[in-house]
Amino acid sequence: MNGVKFLNAPYSSFISDKSFSGTVLLRVDTISQPNSWGMIATLVTDTTLYKIKSSEELRAYVARNMNKPGFYGKKLHFRKKFEFNSFR
């Protein structure tokens, strides 16, 4: 969206408690070099997201608010190393 990547991830990717459902919206800030995977993303913490019912409404809301610092919370650091030949 306007050159900024966002990632929707299910809560189950972060929280093992089955009573949590829904998704987490992250803004992708950086992705590391090839043959390894490191990503820094910023958590979108605007509580209005809970009320959004469609992907079109979500896109419009994010587009209107993506440049507001209050729209975001903490940065998250993800790291995982992939060996591409290990999948063969």
N, C-alpha and C. Protein backbone atom coordinates (compact mmCIF):
# COMPACT_ATOMS: atom_id res chain seq x y z
N MET A 1 0.85 -1.17 0.00
CA MET A 1 0.00 0.00 0.00
C MET A 1 0.90 1.24 0.00
N ASN A 2 0.88 1.99 -1.06
CA ASN A 2 1.74 3.17 -1.21
C ASN A 2 3.22 2.84 -0.96
N GLY A 3 3.65 1.65 -1.38
CA GLY A 3 5.04 1.24 -1.20
C GLY A 3 5.35 0.65 0.16
N VAL A 4 4.40 0.58 1.05
CA VAL A 4 4.58 0.01 2.39
C VAL A 4 3.90 -1.36 2.41
N LYS A 5 4.60 -2.35 2.95
CA LYS A 5 4.03 -3.70 3.02
C LYS A 5 3.43 -3.93 4.40
N PHE A 6 2.27 -4.56 4.42
CA PHE A 6 1.61 -4.95 5.65
C PHE A 6 1.40 -6.45 5.63
N LEU A 7 1.38 -7.04 6.81
CA LEU A 7 1.22 -8.47 6.95
C LEU A 7 0.14 -8.75 7.97
N ASN A 8 -0.84 -9.54 7.58
CA ASN A 8 -1.88 -10.01 8.50
C ASN A 8 -1.46 -11.40 8.96
N ALA A 9 -1.34 -11.60 10.25
CA ALA A 9 -0.96 -12.91 10.79
C ALA A 9 -1.97 -13.34 11.85
N PRO A 10 -2.35 -14.61 11.87
CA PRO A 10 -3.29 -15.05 12.89
C PRO A 10 -2.68 -14.98 14.28
N TYR A 11 -3.51 -14.68 15.28
CA TYR A 11 -3.04 -14.66 16.67
C TYR A 11 -2.31 -15.95 17.02
N SER A 12 -2.77 -17.06 16.47
CA SER A 12 -2.17 -18.36 16.81
C SER A 12 -0.69 -18.43 16.44
N SER A 13 -0.21 -17.51 15.59
CA SER A 13 1.22 -17.46 15.27
C SER A 13 2.03 -16.95 16.44
N PHE A 14 1.38 -16.25 17.38
CA PHE A 14 2.08 -15.61 18.49
C PHE A 14 1.62 -16.11 19.85
N ILE A 15 0.35 -16.54 19.95
CA ILE A 15 -0.26 -16.88 21.23
C ILE A 15 -0.85 -18.28 21.12
N SER A 16 -0.48 -19.16 22.03
CA SER A 16 -0.98 -20.54 21.95
C SER A 16 -2.35 -20.72 22.60
N ASP A 17 -2.84 -19.71 23.31
CA ASP A 17 -4.15 -19.79 23.96
C ASP A 17 -5.26 -19.79 22.91
N LYS A 18 -6.04 -20.85 22.84
CA LYS A 18 -7.09 -20.99 21.82
C LYS A 18 -8.25 -20.02 22.01
N SER A 19 -8.34 -19.36 23.17
CA SER A 19 -9.44 -18.41 23.39
C SER A 19 -9.23 -17.11 22.61
N PHE A 20 -8.02 -16.89 22.11
CA PHE A 20 -7.74 -15.72 21.28
C PHE A 20 -8.01 -16.09 19.83
N SER A 21 -8.75 -15.26 19.14
CA SER A 21 -8.96 -15.49 17.72
C SER A 21 -8.80 -14.16 16.99
N GLY A 22 -8.61 -14.22 15.71
CA GLY A 22 -8.44 -13.00 14.94
C GLY A 22 -7.05 -12.91 14.36
N THR A 23 -6.68 -11.73 13.94
CA THR A 23 -5.39 -11.52 13.29
C THR A 23 -4.66 -10.33 13.91
N VAL A 24 -3.37 -10.30 13.66
CA VAL A 24 -2.50 -9.21 14.06
C VAL A 24 -2.06 -8.52 12.77
N LEU A 25 -2.11 -7.21 12.73
CA LEU A 25 -1.67 -6.47 11.56
C LEU A 25 -0.30 -5.87 11.85
N LEU A 26 0.64 -6.15 10.96
CA LEU A 26 2.02 -5.68 11.11
C LEU A 26 2.41 -4.87 9.89
N ARG A 27 3.17 -3.79 10.12
CA ARG A 27 3.79 -3.06 9.01
C ARG A 27 5.21 -3.59 8.87
N VAL A 28 5.59 -4.06 7.69
CA VAL A 28 6.92 -4.60 7.47
C VAL A 28 7.88 -3.43 7.26
N ASP A 29 8.87 -3.35 8.14
CA ASP A 29 9.84 -2.24 8.06
C ASP A 29 11.09 -2.63 7.28
N THR A 30 11.68 -3.78 7.60
CA THR A 30 12.86 -4.25 6.87
C THR A 30 12.83 -5.76 6.77
N ILE A 31 13.41 -6.26 5.69
CA ILE A 31 13.61 -7.70 5.50
C ILE A 31 15.07 -7.89 5.15
N SER A 32 15.70 -8.89 5.76
CA SER A 32 17.14 -9.08 5.58
C SER A 32 17.51 -9.66 4.22
N GLN A 33 18.79 -9.91 4.06
CA GLN A 33 19.37 -10.38 2.79
C GLN A 33 18.91 -11.79 2.43
N PRO A 34 19.18 -12.21 1.20
CA PRO A 34 18.80 -13.56 0.76
C PRO A 34 19.47 -14.65 1.61
N ASN A 35 18.87 -15.82 1.60
CA ASN A 35 19.34 -17.03 2.31
C ASN A 35 19.23 -16.93 3.83
N SER A 36 18.67 -15.90 4.32
CA SER A 36 18.32 -15.83 5.74
C SER A 36 17.06 -15.00 5.81
N TRP A 37 16.39 -15.09 6.91
CA TRP A 37 15.12 -14.36 7.03
C TRP A 37 15.13 -13.65 8.35
N GLY A 38 15.23 -12.37 8.28
CA GLY A 38 15.10 -11.53 9.45
C GLY A 38 14.16 -10.41 9.05
N MET A 39 13.27 -10.10 9.90
CA MET A 39 12.30 -9.06 9.56
C MET A 39 12.05 -8.21 10.79
N ILE A 40 11.96 -6.92 10.58
CA ILE A 40 11.51 -6.01 11.63
C ILE A 40 10.16 -5.48 11.18
N ALA A 41 9.19 -5.63 12.05
CA ALA A 41 7.84 -5.18 11.74
C ALA A 41 7.32 -4.38 12.92
N THR A 42 6.40 -3.49 12.65
CA THR A 42 5.79 -2.68 13.70
C THR A 42 4.34 -3.11 13.85
N LEU A 43 3.95 -3.34 15.08
CA LEU A 43 2.60 -3.78 15.40
C LEU A 43 1.62 -2.62 15.24
N VAL A 44 0.55 -2.84 14.51
CA VAL A 44 -0.52 -1.83 14.39
C VAL A 44 -1.41 -2.02 15.61
N THR A 45 -1.55 -0.98 16.43
CA THR A 45 -2.26 -1.11 17.71
C THR A 45 -3.55 -0.28 17.77
N ASP A 46 -3.94 0.31 16.68
CA ASP A 46 -5.18 1.10 16.65
C ASP A 46 -6.37 0.17 16.92
N THR A 47 -7.11 0.43 17.98
CA THR A 47 -8.21 -0.46 18.38
C THR A 47 -9.42 -0.38 17.46
N THR A 48 -9.48 0.60 16.58
CA THR A 48 -10.57 0.69 15.62
C THR A 48 -10.58 -0.52 14.69
N LEU A 49 -9.43 -1.17 14.53
CA LEU A 49 -9.33 -2.33 13.65
C LEU A 49 -10.30 -3.44 14.05
N TYR A 50 -10.64 -3.52 15.33
CA TYR A 50 -11.58 -4.55 15.80
C TYR A 50 -12.96 -4.40 15.16
N LYS A 51 -13.31 -3.19 14.78
CA LYS A 51 -14.65 -2.91 14.25
C LYS A 51 -14.75 -3.08 12.74
N ILE A 52 -13.62 -3.24 12.06
CA ILE A 52 -13.61 -3.33 10.60
C ILE A 52 -14.07 -4.71 10.15
N LYS A 53 -14.95 -4.73 9.16
CA LYS A 53 -15.60 -5.97 8.77
C LYS A 53 -15.19 -6.52 7.40
N SER A 54 -14.50 -5.73 6.59
CA SER A 54 -14.13 -6.22 5.26
C SER A 54 -12.70 -5.80 4.92
N SER A 55 -12.11 -6.50 3.97
CA SER A 55 -10.75 -6.17 3.56
C SER A 55 -10.69 -4.81 2.87
N GLU A 56 -11.76 -4.44 2.15
CA GLU A 56 -11.80 -3.13 1.49
C GLU A 56 -11.82 -2.01 2.54
N GLU A 57 -12.62 -2.21 3.56
CA GLU A 57 -12.69 -1.21 4.65
C GLU A 57 -11.34 -1.13 5.37
N LEU A 58 -10.69 -2.27 5.57
CA LEU A 58 -9.37 -2.29 6.21
C LEU A 58 -8.35 -1.53 5.38
N ARG A 59 -8.31 -1.78 4.09
CA ARG A 59 -7.36 -1.08 3.21
C ARG A 59 -7.57 0.43 3.26
N ALA A 60 -8.82 0.86 3.20
CA ALA A 60 -9.11 2.30 3.23
C ALA A 60 -8.70 2.90 4.57
N TYR A 61 -8.97 2.21 5.65
CA TYR A 61 -8.65 2.73 6.98
C TYR A 61 -7.13 2.81 7.18
N VAL A 62 -6.42 1.77 6.76
CA VAL A 62 -4.96 1.79 6.87
C VAL A 62 -4.37 2.90 6.01
N ALA A 63 -4.86 3.06 4.80
CA ALA A 63 -4.36 4.11 3.90
C ALA A 63 -4.53 5.50 4.53
N ARG A 64 -5.64 5.72 5.22
CA ARG A 64 -5.88 7.03 5.86
C ARG A 64 -5.01 7.25 7.09
N ASN A 65 -4.58 6.18 7.75
CA ASN A 65 -3.92 6.32 9.05
C ASN A 65 -2.47 5.85 9.10
N MET A 66 -1.95 5.30 8.01
CA MET A 66 -0.63 4.67 8.04
C MET A 66 0.53 5.62 8.34
N ASN A 67 0.34 6.91 8.19
CA ASN A 67 1.42 7.87 8.48
C ASN A 67 1.31 8.51 9.85
N LYS A 68 0.35 8.06 10.65
CA LYS A 68 0.16 8.60 12.00
C LYS A 68 0.92 7.75 13.01
N PRO A 69 1.84 8.34 13.76
CA PRO A 69 2.61 7.56 14.74
C PRO A 69 1.72 6.83 15.76
N GLY A 70 0.59 7.39 16.14
CA GLY A 70 -0.29 6.77 17.12
C GLY A 70 -0.99 5.52 16.61
N PHE A 71 -0.87 5.23 15.34
CA PHE A 71 -1.47 4.06 14.72
C PHE A 71 -0.69 2.79 15.07
N TYR A 72 0.56 2.95 15.49
CA TYR A 72 1.48 1.84 15.71
C TYR A 72 1.91 1.71 17.16
N GLY A 73 2.35 0.51 17.49
CA GLY A 73 2.91 0.23 18.81
C GLY A 73 4.38 -0.12 18.67
N LYS A 74 4.78 -1.20 19.32
CA LYS A 74 6.18 -1.61 19.37
C LYS A 74 6.66 -2.27 18.08
N LYS A 75 7.97 -2.16 17.88
CA LYS A 75 8.62 -2.88 16.79
C LYS A 75 8.87 -4.31 17.25
N LEU A 76 8.70 -5.25 16.34
CA LEU A 76 8.94 -6.66 16.62
C LEU A 76 10.06 -7.14 15.72
N HIS A 77 10.95 -7.97 16.27
CA HIS A 77 12.08 -8.51 15.50
C HIS A 77 11.87 -10.00 15.31
N PHE A 78 11.84 -10.44 14.07
CA PHE A 78 11.68 -11.85 13.73
C PHE A 78 12.96 -12.33 13.08
N ARG A 79 13.41 -13.50 13.49
CA ARG A 79 14.62 -14.06 12.88
C ARG A 79 14.45 -15.55 12.69
N LYS A 80 14.76 -16.02 11.52
CA LYS A 80 14.77 -17.44 11.23
C LYS A 80 15.69 -17.66 10.05
N LYS A 81 16.49 -18.66 10.14
CA LYS A 81 17.39 -18.97 9.04
C LYS A 81 16.82 -20.09 8.21
N PHE A 82 16.76 -19.89 6.92
CA PHE A 82 16.28 -20.88 5.99
C PHE A 82 17.48 -21.41 5.19
N GLU A 83 17.58 -22.69 5.11
CA GLU A 83 18.54 -23.31 4.21
C GLU A 83 17.72 -23.86 3.05
N PHE A 84 17.80 -23.23 1.91
CA PHE A 84 16.93 -23.58 0.80
C PHE A 84 17.11 -25.03 0.33
N ASN A 85 18.30 -25.57 0.43
CA ASN A 85 18.52 -26.96 0.01
C ASN A 85 17.92 -27.95 0.99
N SER A 86 17.60 -27.55 2.21
CA SER A 86 17.06 -28.48 3.20
C SER A 86 15.63 -28.90 2.88
N PHE A 87 14.97 -28.24 1.93
CA PHE A 87 13.60 -28.58 1.57
C PHE A 87 13.55 -29.68 0.49
N ARG A 88 14.67 -30.11 0.02
CA ARG A 88 14.71 -31.11 -1.06
C ARG A 88 14.71 -32.50 -0.51
